[in-house]
Amino acid sequence: MLDAEFIRARILEALPGSEVEVRDYTGTGDHYEARVVSPDFAGKAMVQQHQLVYAPLQQWLKSGELHALALKTYSPEQWKKLGTR
């Protein structure tokens, strides 16, 4: 069974320097949500941002071990405009 820290670590390996928060939103160990703020997202469409996050998790998504990962992705500029920092 996966846990939030495992998912967070895989995302950080692929997107170093990012801010990543992952939460198991059902408590079942296969449905997660993540917020990722990364400079790698600057100038990219949301679909491209999500592809960058999903890429290091493909093995677990394909096997079904990770059934769902809801994403909220932002560049640092987008995150700053939201007034969350």
Protein backbone atom coordinates (compact mmCIF):
# COMPACT_ATOMS: atom_id res chain seq x y z
CA MET A 1 0.00 0.00 0.00
CA LEU A 2 1.24 3.46 -0.90
CA ASP A 3 1.33 6.33 1.53
CA ALA A 4 1.34 10.10 1.10
CA GLU A 5 5.04 10.45 1.87
CA PHE A 6 5.98 7.89 -0.80
CA ILE A 7 3.98 9.80 -3.42
CA ARG A 8 5.43 13.12 -2.24
CA ALA A 9 8.99 11.74 -2.53
CA ARG A 10 8.41 10.48 -6.10
CA ILE A 11 7.05 13.88 -7.15
CA LEU A 12 9.99 15.69 -5.52
CA GLU A 13 12.48 13.41 -7.29
CA ALA A 14 10.95 14.41 -10.63
CA LEU A 15 10.42 18.08 -9.75
CA PRO A 16 13.21 19.08 -7.35
CA GLY A 17 12.74 22.43 -5.66
CA SER A 18 8.96 22.08 -5.66
CA GLU A 19 6.62 22.47 -2.73
CA VAL A 20 4.52 19.30 -2.49
CA GLU A 21 1.69 18.36 -0.14
CA VAL A 22 -0.09 15.01 -0.51
CA ARG A 23 -3.12 13.78 1.43
CA ASP A 24 -5.01 10.48 1.43
CA TYR A 25 -8.55 11.79 1.13
CA THR A 26 -10.43 8.52 1.63
CA GLY A 27 -8.19 6.72 4.12
CA THR A 28 -7.99 3.70 1.81
CA GLY A 29 -4.40 4.22 0.64
CA ASP A 30 -5.30 4.50 -3.05
CA HIS A 31 -7.07 7.88 -3.42
CA TYR A 32 -4.89 10.94 -2.91
CA GLU A 33 -4.88 14.62 -3.60
CA ALA A 34 -1.76 16.72 -4.09
CA ARG A 35 -0.88 20.38 -4.26
CA VAL A 36 2.32 21.04 -6.17
CA VAL A 37 3.98 24.43 -6.58
CA SER A 38 6.90 24.19 -8.98
CA PRO A 39 9.02 26.58 -11.03
CA ASP A 40 8.95 23.88 -13.71
CA PHE A 41 5.28 24.77 -14.32
CA ALA A 42 5.99 28.35 -15.43
CA GLY A 43 4.56 28.96 -18.89
CA LYS A 44 2.98 25.50 -19.11
CA ALA A 45 -0.70 24.69 -19.54
CA MET A 46 -2.43 22.88 -16.69
CA VAL A 47 -2.47 19.63 -18.69
CA GLN A 48 1.30 19.83 -19.13
CA GLN A 49 1.75 20.55 -15.41
CA HIS A 50 -0.32 17.50 -14.51
CA GLN A 51 1.64 15.33 -16.94
CA LEU A 52 4.87 16.30 -15.16
CA VAL A 53 3.39 15.21 -11.83
CA TYR A 54 1.86 11.97 -13.11
CA ALA A 55 5.03 10.89 -14.98
CA PRO A 56 6.99 9.55 -11.97
CA LEU A 57 3.89 7.73 -10.69
CA GLN A 58 2.97 5.83 -13.87
CA GLN A 59 4.01 2.43 -12.52
CA TRP A 60 1.55 2.69 -9.60
CA LEU A 61 -1.21 4.30 -11.65
CA LYS A 62 -1.01 1.54 -14.28
CA SER A 63 -1.04 -1.23 -11.66
CA GLY A 64 -4.06 0.33 -9.92
CA GLU A 65 -2.17 0.56 -6.65
CA LEU A 66 -2.64 4.32 -6.99
CA HIS A 67 -6.22 4.57 -8.17
CA ALA A 68 -6.74 8.33 -8.08
CA LEU A 69 -4.58 11.40 -7.66
CA ALA A 70 -6.42 14.73 -7.74
CA LEU A 71 -4.03 17.56 -8.55
CA LYS A 72 -3.81 21.26 -7.92
CA THR A 73 -0.71 22.59 -9.65
CA TYR A 74 0.73 26.09 -9.66
CA SER A 75 3.83 27.94 -10.72
CA PRO A 76 5.29 30.05 -7.88
CA GLU A 77 3.86 33.15 -9.59
CA GLN A 78 0.37 31.61 -9.76
CA TRP A 79 0.60 30.55 -6.13
CA LYS A 80 1.71 34.02 -5.07
CA LYS A 81 -1.22 35.64 -6.96
CA LEU A 82 -3.61 33.48 -4.95
CA GLY A 83 -2.35 35.27 -1.86
CA THR A 84 -1.46 32.07 -0.06
CA ARG A 85 2.06 33.16 0.74
